N, C-alpha and C. Protein backbone atom coordinates (compact mmCIF):
# COMPACT_ATOMS: atom_id res chain seq x y z
N UNK A 1 7.65 18.65 26.38
CA UNK A 1 6.96 18.55 27.63
C UNK A 1 6.54 17.09 27.80
N UNK A 2 6.86 16.52 28.95
CA UNK A 2 6.47 15.15 29.25
C UNK A 2 5.56 15.17 30.47
N UNK A 3 4.37 14.59 30.30
CA UNK A 3 3.42 14.51 31.40
C UNK A 3 3.09 13.05 31.66
N UNK A 4 2.69 12.76 32.88
CA UNK A 4 2.25 11.42 33.25
C UNK A 4 0.80 11.52 33.71
N UNK A 5 -0.04 10.59 33.28
CA UNK A 5 -1.46 10.57 33.65
C UNK A 5 -1.82 9.17 34.13
N UNK A 6 -2.66 9.09 35.14
CA UNK A 6 -3.10 7.80 35.65
C UNK A 6 -4.44 7.95 36.35
N UNK A 7 -5.04 6.81 36.65
CA UNK A 7 -6.31 6.77 37.39
C UNK A 7 -6.03 6.09 38.72
N UNK A 8 -6.44 6.73 39.80
CA UNK A 8 -6.21 6.18 41.14
C UNK A 8 -7.18 5.04 41.40
N UNK A 9 -6.97 4.35 42.53
CA UNK A 9 -7.88 3.26 42.90
C UNK A 9 -9.29 3.78 43.19
N UNK A 10 -9.42 5.09 43.47
CA UNK A 10 -10.73 5.71 43.69
C UNK A 10 -11.29 6.29 42.39
N UNK A 11 -10.69 5.92 41.26
CA UNK A 11 -11.11 6.33 39.92
C UNK A 11 -11.03 7.85 39.71
N UNK A 12 -10.02 8.46 40.32
CA UNK A 12 -9.75 9.87 40.09
C UNK A 12 -8.64 9.98 39.06
N UNK A 13 -8.82 10.90 38.12
CA UNK A 13 -7.79 11.11 37.11
C UNK A 13 -6.73 12.04 37.69
N UNK A 14 -5.49 11.61 37.63
CA UNK A 14 -4.38 12.40 38.13
C UNK A 14 -3.39 12.63 36.99
N UNK A 15 -2.66 13.70 37.09
CA UNK A 15 -1.63 13.99 36.11
C UNK A 15 -0.56 14.86 36.72
N UNK A 16 0.63 14.76 36.19
CA UNK A 16 1.73 15.57 36.70
C UNK A 16 2.67 15.88 35.55
N UNK A 17 3.22 17.07 35.55
CA UNK A 17 4.21 17.48 34.57
C UNK A 17 5.56 16.93 35.03
N UNK A 18 6.19 16.08 34.23
CA UNK A 18 7.46 15.47 34.61
C UNK A 18 8.65 16.36 34.24
N UNK A 19 8.63 16.96 33.08
CA UNK A 19 9.78 17.75 32.66
C UNK A 19 9.45 18.52 31.38
N UNK A 20 10.19 19.61 31.18
CA UNK A 20 10.13 20.35 29.92
C UNK A 20 11.56 20.46 29.43
N UNK A 21 11.81 20.00 28.22
CA UNK A 21 13.14 20.05 27.64
C UNK A 21 13.07 20.60 26.23
N UNK A 22 14.14 21.25 25.83
CA UNK A 22 14.25 21.71 24.46
C UNK A 22 14.89 20.59 23.65
N UNK A 23 14.28 20.27 22.51
CA UNK A 23 14.83 19.23 21.66
C UNK A 23 15.91 19.82 20.76
N UNK A 24 16.86 18.99 20.32
CA UNK A 24 17.86 19.47 19.37
C UNK A 24 17.18 20.00 18.10
N UNK A 25 17.96 20.67 17.29
CA UNK A 25 17.42 21.31 16.08
C UNK A 25 16.65 20.33 15.21
N UNK A 26 17.19 19.11 15.05
CA UNK A 26 16.50 18.12 14.22
C UNK A 26 15.64 17.23 15.11
N UNK A 27 14.36 17.17 14.83
CA UNK A 27 13.43 16.36 15.62
C UNK A 27 13.40 14.94 15.07
N UNK A 28 14.53 14.28 15.10
CA UNK A 28 14.63 12.90 14.63
C UNK A 28 14.27 11.95 15.76
N UNK A 29 13.90 10.73 15.39
CA UNK A 29 13.47 9.74 16.38
C UNK A 29 14.56 9.50 17.42
N UNK A 30 15.83 9.43 16.99
CA UNK A 30 16.91 9.18 17.94
C UNK A 30 17.03 10.31 18.96
N UNK A 31 16.91 11.55 18.50
CA UNK A 31 17.01 12.69 19.40
C UNK A 31 15.86 12.71 20.40
N UNK A 32 14.65 12.43 19.92
CA UNK A 32 13.48 12.40 20.80
C UNK A 32 13.62 11.26 21.81
N UNK A 33 14.08 10.09 21.35
CA UNK A 33 14.25 8.94 22.24
C UNK A 33 15.26 9.25 23.34
N UNK A 34 16.40 9.83 22.98
CA UNK A 34 17.42 10.16 23.98
C UNK A 34 16.88 11.13 25.03
N UNK A 35 16.14 12.15 24.58
CA UNK A 35 15.57 13.13 25.50
C UNK A 35 14.57 12.48 26.45
N UNK A 36 13.69 11.63 25.91
CA UNK A 36 12.71 10.94 26.76
C UNK A 36 13.39 10.02 27.76
N UNK A 37 14.43 9.30 27.31
CA UNK A 37 15.14 8.40 28.23
C UNK A 37 15.81 9.18 29.35
N UNK A 38 16.38 10.35 29.04
CA UNK A 38 16.99 11.18 30.08
C UNK A 38 15.96 11.61 31.11
N UNK A 39 14.75 11.94 30.64
CA UNK A 39 13.69 12.36 31.55
C UNK A 39 13.20 11.19 32.40
N UNK A 40 13.11 10.00 31.82
CA UNK A 40 12.53 8.85 32.52
C UNK A 40 13.52 8.09 33.39
N UNK A 41 14.82 8.33 33.25
CA UNK A 41 15.83 7.61 34.04
C UNK A 41 15.55 7.62 35.55
N UNK A 42 15.18 8.74 36.16
CA UNK A 42 14.90 8.72 37.60
C UNK A 42 13.71 7.84 37.99
N UNK A 43 12.84 7.51 37.05
CA UNK A 43 11.64 6.72 37.33
C UNK A 43 11.79 5.31 36.78
N UNK A 44 13.00 4.77 36.81
CA UNK A 44 13.28 3.53 36.10
C UNK A 44 13.02 2.27 36.92
N UNK A 45 12.18 2.32 37.93
CA UNK A 45 11.94 1.16 38.76
C UNK A 45 11.05 0.11 38.13
N UNK A 46 10.19 0.49 37.20
CA UNK A 46 9.24 -0.47 36.64
C UNK A 46 9.85 -1.24 35.47
N UNK A 47 9.46 -2.48 35.34
CA UNK A 47 9.86 -3.36 34.24
C UNK A 47 11.37 -3.47 34.09
N UNK A 48 12.09 -3.45 35.19
CA UNK A 48 13.53 -3.63 35.12
C UNK A 48 14.29 -2.37 34.77
N UNK A 49 13.61 -1.28 34.59
CA UNK A 49 14.29 -0.02 34.33
C UNK A 49 14.39 0.33 32.86
N UNK A 50 14.54 1.60 32.64
CA UNK A 50 14.61 2.13 31.27
C UNK A 50 15.86 1.63 30.57
N UNK A 51 16.99 1.59 31.29
CA UNK A 51 18.26 1.19 30.67
C UNK A 51 18.21 -0.24 30.16
N UNK A 52 17.62 -1.16 30.96
CA UNK A 52 17.53 -2.55 30.53
C UNK A 52 16.66 -2.66 29.27
N UNK A 53 15.55 -1.95 29.28
CA UNK A 53 14.66 -1.96 28.11
C UNK A 53 15.38 -1.40 26.89
N UNK A 54 16.09 -0.29 27.08
CA UNK A 54 16.78 0.36 25.97
C UNK A 54 17.89 -0.53 25.41
N UNK A 55 18.66 -1.19 26.26
CA UNK A 55 19.74 -2.03 25.76
C UNK A 55 19.19 -3.22 24.99
N UNK A 56 18.09 -3.81 25.45
CA UNK A 56 17.47 -4.92 24.71
C UNK A 56 16.93 -4.43 23.38
N UNK A 57 16.34 -3.24 23.38
CA UNK A 57 15.79 -2.68 22.15
C UNK A 57 16.90 -2.40 21.15
N UNK A 58 18.01 -1.81 21.61
CA UNK A 58 19.12 -1.50 20.72
C UNK A 58 19.76 -2.77 20.17
N UNK A 59 19.86 -3.81 20.99
CA UNK A 59 20.43 -5.08 20.54
C UNK A 59 19.59 -5.66 19.41
N UNK A 60 18.27 -5.66 19.59
CA UNK A 60 17.36 -6.16 18.56
C UNK A 60 17.46 -5.30 17.31
N UNK A 61 17.49 -4.00 17.48
CA UNK A 61 17.57 -3.08 16.36
C UNK A 61 18.86 -3.29 15.58
N UNK A 62 19.95 -3.50 16.28
CA UNK A 62 21.23 -3.71 15.63
C UNK A 62 21.19 -4.99 14.79
N UNK A 63 20.64 -6.08 15.33
CA UNK A 63 20.55 -7.32 14.58
C UNK A 63 19.70 -7.15 13.33
N UNK A 64 18.56 -6.46 13.48
CA UNK A 64 17.68 -6.24 12.33
C UNK A 64 18.37 -5.38 11.28
N UNK A 65 19.08 -4.35 11.73
CA UNK A 65 19.77 -3.47 10.79
C UNK A 65 20.86 -4.23 10.04
N UNK A 66 21.60 -5.09 10.74
CA UNK A 66 22.64 -5.89 10.09
C UNK A 66 22.04 -6.77 9.01
N UNK A 67 20.89 -7.37 9.31
CA UNK A 67 20.25 -8.23 8.32
C UNK A 67 19.79 -7.45 7.10
N UNK A 68 19.20 -6.27 7.34
CA UNK A 68 18.76 -5.44 6.22
C UNK A 68 19.93 -4.99 5.35
N UNK A 69 21.02 -4.59 5.97
CA UNK A 69 22.18 -4.14 5.21
C UNK A 69 22.75 -5.29 4.39
N UNK A 70 22.75 -6.51 4.94
CA UNK A 70 23.28 -7.64 4.20
C UNK A 70 22.40 -7.98 2.99
N UNK A 71 21.12 -7.64 3.04
CA UNK A 71 20.20 -7.92 1.93
C UNK A 71 20.15 -6.80 0.90
N UNK A 72 20.72 -5.65 1.21
CA UNK A 72 20.58 -4.47 0.36
C UNK A 72 21.20 -4.71 -1.01
N UNK A 73 20.48 -4.33 -2.03
CA UNK A 73 20.96 -4.39 -3.40
C UNK A 73 20.86 -2.99 -3.96
N UNK A 74 21.95 -2.48 -4.49
CA UNK A 74 21.94 -1.14 -5.07
C UNK A 74 21.71 -1.23 -6.57
N UNK A 75 20.51 -0.93 -6.98
CA UNK A 75 20.17 -0.93 -8.39
C UNK A 75 20.51 0.42 -8.99
N UNK A 76 20.89 0.44 -10.28
CA UNK A 76 21.16 1.74 -10.91
C UNK A 76 19.88 2.55 -11.00
N UNK A 77 19.96 3.83 -10.75
CA UNK A 77 18.79 4.71 -10.80
C UNK A 77 18.51 5.13 -12.24
N UNK A 78 17.23 5.17 -12.57
CA UNK A 78 16.82 5.68 -13.88
C UNK A 78 16.77 7.20 -13.83
N UNK A 79 16.69 7.78 -14.99
CA UNK A 79 16.55 9.23 -15.06
C UNK A 79 15.20 9.63 -14.46
N UNK A 80 15.10 10.85 -14.01
CA UNK A 80 13.85 11.35 -13.42
C UNK A 80 12.72 11.29 -14.44
N UNK A 81 11.52 10.99 -13.96
CA UNK A 81 10.34 10.96 -14.83
C UNK A 81 9.68 12.33 -14.75
N UNK A 82 9.68 13.05 -15.85
CA UNK A 82 9.06 14.36 -15.90
C UNK A 82 7.72 14.25 -16.58
N UNK A 83 6.67 14.60 -15.87
CA UNK A 83 5.31 14.49 -16.42
C UNK A 83 4.65 15.86 -16.37
N UNK A 84 4.09 16.32 -17.49
CA UNK A 84 3.54 17.67 -17.54
C UNK A 84 2.13 17.82 -16.98
N UNK A 85 1.35 16.71 -16.89
CA UNK A 85 -0.05 16.86 -16.51
C UNK A 85 -0.62 15.54 -15.99
N UNK A 86 -1.81 15.63 -15.39
CA UNK A 86 -2.54 14.44 -14.95
C UNK A 86 -2.75 13.51 -16.13
N UNK A 87 -2.79 12.22 -15.86
CA UNK A 87 -3.09 11.18 -16.85
C UNK A 87 -2.08 11.11 -17.99
N UNK A 88 -0.94 11.81 -17.87
CA UNK A 88 0.03 11.77 -18.96
C UNK A 88 0.81 10.47 -18.91
N UNK A 89 1.21 10.03 -17.70
CA UNK A 89 1.91 8.76 -17.58
C UNK A 89 1.54 8.07 -16.27
N UNK A 90 1.17 6.79 -16.40
CA UNK A 90 0.93 5.94 -15.25
C UNK A 90 2.04 4.88 -15.21
N UNK A 91 2.35 4.40 -14.03
CA UNK A 91 3.25 3.27 -13.87
C UNK A 91 2.48 2.16 -13.17
N UNK A 92 2.74 0.92 -13.60
CA UNK A 92 2.01 -0.21 -13.03
C UNK A 92 2.97 -1.36 -12.75
N UNK A 93 2.68 -2.11 -11.70
CA UNK A 93 3.46 -3.30 -11.38
C UNK A 93 2.61 -4.24 -10.56
N UNK A 94 3.04 -5.50 -10.50
CA UNK A 94 2.35 -6.51 -9.70
C UNK A 94 3.14 -6.75 -8.42
N UNK A 95 2.42 -6.82 -7.30
CA UNK A 95 3.03 -7.16 -6.03
C UNK A 95 2.60 -8.58 -5.69
N UNK A 96 3.58 -9.44 -5.41
CA UNK A 96 3.32 -10.84 -5.11
C UNK A 96 2.91 -10.98 -3.65
N UNK A 97 1.70 -11.50 -3.40
CA UNK A 97 1.17 -11.65 -2.05
C UNK A 97 1.20 -13.09 -1.57
N UNK A 98 1.74 -14.01 -2.36
CA UNK A 98 1.65 -15.43 -2.02
C UNK A 98 2.32 -15.78 -0.70
N UNK A 99 3.45 -15.14 -0.39
CA UNK A 99 4.17 -15.48 0.83
C UNK A 99 3.53 -14.87 2.08
N UNK A 100 2.88 -13.72 1.92
CA UNK A 100 2.31 -13.05 3.09
C UNK A 100 0.82 -13.30 3.26
N UNK A 101 0.18 -13.83 2.26
CA UNK A 101 -1.26 -14.04 2.33
C UNK A 101 -1.55 -15.52 2.47
N UNK A 102 -1.44 -16.03 3.68
CA UNK A 102 -1.67 -17.46 3.92
C UNK A 102 -3.16 -17.78 4.02
N UNK A 103 -3.95 -16.86 4.60
CA UNK A 103 -5.36 -17.13 4.82
C UNK A 103 -6.18 -17.03 3.53
N UNK A 104 -5.94 -15.97 2.75
CA UNK A 104 -6.74 -15.72 1.56
C UNK A 104 -5.96 -16.14 0.32
N UNK A 105 -6.15 -17.36 -0.12
CA UNK A 105 -5.38 -17.87 -1.25
C UNK A 105 -6.02 -17.54 -2.59
N UNK A 106 -7.17 -16.88 -2.57
CA UNK A 106 -7.82 -16.53 -3.83
C UNK A 106 -7.06 -15.44 -4.57
N UNK A 107 -6.59 -14.43 -3.85
CA UNK A 107 -5.89 -13.31 -4.47
C UNK A 107 -4.40 -13.45 -4.19
N UNK A 108 -3.65 -13.78 -5.23
CA UNK A 108 -2.22 -14.02 -5.06
C UNK A 108 -1.37 -12.81 -5.45
N UNK A 109 -1.98 -11.81 -6.11
CA UNK A 109 -1.23 -10.65 -6.56
C UNK A 109 -2.04 -9.38 -6.33
N UNK A 110 -1.33 -8.27 -6.26
CA UNK A 110 -1.98 -6.97 -6.18
C UNK A 110 -1.41 -6.12 -7.30
N UNK A 111 -2.28 -5.60 -8.15
CA UNK A 111 -1.88 -4.71 -9.22
C UNK A 111 -1.86 -3.29 -8.66
N UNK A 112 -0.70 -2.64 -8.76
CA UNK A 112 -0.54 -1.28 -8.23
C UNK A 112 -0.31 -0.35 -9.42
N UNK A 113 -1.16 0.67 -9.54
CA UNK A 113 -1.06 1.65 -10.64
C UNK A 113 -1.00 3.04 -10.01
N UNK A 114 -0.05 3.85 -10.49
CA UNK A 114 0.12 5.19 -9.94
C UNK A 114 0.17 6.22 -11.06
N UNK A 115 -0.52 7.33 -10.85
CA UNK A 115 -0.44 8.49 -11.75
C UNK A 115 0.83 9.24 -11.36
N UNK A 116 1.81 9.31 -12.26
CA UNK A 116 3.11 9.90 -11.93
C UNK A 116 3.03 11.38 -11.61
N UNK A 117 2.01 12.07 -12.09
CA UNK A 117 1.90 13.51 -11.83
C UNK A 117 1.28 13.78 -10.45
N UNK A 118 0.12 13.20 -10.22
CA UNK A 118 -0.61 13.49 -8.97
C UNK A 118 -0.21 12.57 -7.82
N UNK A 119 0.46 11.47 -8.13
CA UNK A 119 0.83 10.44 -7.15
C UNK A 119 -0.39 9.71 -6.60
N UNK A 120 -1.53 9.82 -7.29
CA UNK A 120 -2.71 9.03 -6.90
C UNK A 120 -2.44 7.57 -7.21
N UNK A 121 -2.89 6.72 -6.33
CA UNK A 121 -2.59 5.30 -6.42
C UNK A 121 -3.86 4.48 -6.46
N UNK A 122 -3.82 3.42 -7.26
CA UNK A 122 -4.93 2.47 -7.28
C UNK A 122 -4.35 1.08 -7.03
N UNK A 123 -5.00 0.32 -6.14
CA UNK A 123 -4.57 -1.04 -5.84
C UNK A 123 -5.73 -1.98 -6.13
N UNK A 124 -5.46 -3.02 -6.93
CA UNK A 124 -6.50 -3.97 -7.30
C UNK A 124 -5.97 -5.38 -7.05
N UNK A 125 -6.71 -6.18 -6.29
CA UNK A 125 -6.33 -7.57 -6.07
C UNK A 125 -6.67 -8.40 -7.30
N UNK A 126 -5.73 -9.25 -7.72
CA UNK A 126 -5.96 -10.14 -8.86
C UNK A 126 -5.56 -11.56 -8.46
N UNK A 127 -6.26 -12.53 -9.05
CA UNK A 127 -6.03 -13.92 -8.66
C UNK A 127 -4.80 -14.53 -9.32
N UNK A 128 -4.58 -14.23 -10.59
CA UNK A 128 -3.43 -14.79 -11.31
C UNK A 128 -2.82 -13.72 -12.20
N UNK A 129 -1.68 -14.07 -12.83
CA UNK A 129 -1.02 -13.17 -13.77
C UNK A 129 -1.58 -13.33 -15.18
N UNK A 130 -2.61 -14.10 -15.32
CA UNK A 130 -3.22 -14.33 -16.64
C UNK A 130 -3.69 -13.00 -17.22
N UNK A 131 -3.53 -12.84 -18.53
CA UNK A 131 -3.82 -11.55 -19.16
C UNK A 131 -5.26 -11.09 -18.95
N UNK A 132 -6.22 -12.02 -18.83
CA UNK A 132 -7.61 -11.65 -18.58
C UNK A 132 -7.73 -10.93 -17.23
N UNK A 133 -7.09 -11.50 -16.19
CA UNK A 133 -7.15 -10.89 -14.85
C UNK A 133 -6.43 -9.55 -14.81
N UNK A 134 -5.30 -9.45 -15.48
CA UNK A 134 -4.55 -8.19 -15.52
C UNK A 134 -5.35 -7.13 -16.26
N UNK A 135 -5.98 -7.52 -17.36
CA UNK A 135 -6.80 -6.57 -18.13
C UNK A 135 -7.95 -6.04 -17.27
N UNK A 136 -8.64 -6.95 -16.57
CA UNK A 136 -9.74 -6.53 -15.69
C UNK A 136 -9.22 -5.61 -14.58
N UNK A 137 -8.05 -5.94 -14.02
CA UNK A 137 -7.47 -5.12 -12.98
C UNK A 137 -7.11 -3.73 -13.48
N UNK A 138 -6.53 -3.64 -14.68
CA UNK A 138 -6.20 -2.34 -15.26
C UNK A 138 -7.47 -1.54 -15.54
N UNK A 139 -8.51 -2.20 -16.03
CA UNK A 139 -9.77 -1.50 -16.28
C UNK A 139 -10.32 -0.90 -14.99
N UNK A 140 -10.25 -1.66 -13.90
CA UNK A 140 -10.74 -1.16 -12.61
C UNK A 140 -9.89 0.02 -12.13
N UNK A 141 -8.56 -0.07 -12.32
CA UNK A 141 -7.67 1.02 -11.92
C UNK A 141 -7.94 2.26 -12.76
N UNK A 142 -8.18 2.09 -14.07
CA UNK A 142 -8.44 3.23 -14.95
C UNK A 142 -9.79 3.86 -14.66
N UNK A 143 -10.77 3.06 -14.19
CA UNK A 143 -12.04 3.65 -13.75
C UNK A 143 -11.83 4.58 -12.57
N UNK A 144 -10.90 4.21 -11.71
CA UNK A 144 -10.62 5.00 -10.51
C UNK A 144 -9.75 6.22 -10.81
N UNK A 145 -8.72 6.05 -11.64
CA UNK A 145 -7.73 7.11 -11.89
C UNK A 145 -7.95 7.89 -13.18
N UNK A 146 -8.61 7.29 -14.14
CA UNK A 146 -8.74 7.89 -15.47
C UNK A 146 -7.87 7.13 -16.46
N UNK A 147 -8.01 7.46 -17.74
CA UNK A 147 -7.25 6.79 -18.81
C UNK A 147 -5.94 7.54 -19.04
N UNK A 148 -4.79 6.83 -18.99
CA UNK A 148 -3.51 7.52 -19.19
C UNK A 148 -3.15 7.65 -20.67
N UNK A 149 -2.29 8.63 -20.97
CA UNK A 149 -1.71 8.73 -22.32
C UNK A 149 -0.65 7.64 -22.51
N UNK A 150 0.12 7.36 -21.46
CA UNK A 150 1.18 6.35 -21.49
C UNK A 150 1.06 5.47 -20.26
N UNK A 151 1.40 4.20 -20.43
CA UNK A 151 1.44 3.25 -19.30
C UNK A 151 2.81 2.59 -19.30
N UNK A 152 3.56 2.76 -18.21
CA UNK A 152 4.89 2.19 -18.09
C UNK A 152 4.83 0.99 -17.16
N UNK A 153 5.36 -0.15 -17.62
CA UNK A 153 5.43 -1.37 -16.82
C UNK A 153 6.81 -1.98 -16.99
N UNK A 154 7.09 -2.99 -16.19
CA UNK A 154 8.33 -3.73 -16.41
C UNK A 154 8.08 -4.84 -17.42
N UNK A 155 9.07 -5.62 -17.73
CA UNK A 155 8.93 -6.65 -18.76
C UNK A 155 8.02 -7.78 -18.32
N UNK A 156 7.89 -8.01 -17.02
CA UNK A 156 7.06 -9.12 -16.52
C UNK A 156 5.58 -8.90 -16.78
N UNK A 157 5.14 -7.63 -16.82
CA UNK A 157 3.73 -7.38 -17.05
C UNK A 157 3.49 -7.33 -18.53
C-alpha cells in the first residue's frame, strides 16, 4: 500500500491512498523498488521524473558495484567454529581507524572482541598497538563479556 501525505498552505493534513499492489514472493529491495517505481510513474513531474532519477541511481550503483567487484578477494574459508557454551571461545581483532578518524587522532584502533556462542560484542578504543594498551582493552572487554576459556586472535595481535 502506498499513501501520500502532505500539509496544505492552510496547515491542514491531507492524505490519499495511491495504490495497493501485491509484492512478488521475495520481498527484496529490487522487487520493492520496481513496484514503487511502477506506482509513481504517473506522478513523475517533480525533480525531472522518476525515470531520470532511477537511471542516474542505477548508473551510480553500477559504477560502485564494478569497483567493489574489482577489489574483491576470495579468501579460503576456515572450518566452522563449534562452541558448546558461553565464554568458551572469544575472538578478537584490531580495527584500524587511522584513515577514517581524521578528527580524533588519540584513538587509532578499535579492539573488537566477540563471544562466539552468544555473538555478544565488545568494542574498546585503544590509542596504539602497544601491549599495555591491548592488555587494558582486553581487560575492559572481559569486564563486559566475562572471562573466556579460549581467546582466538590473528598473528598480528
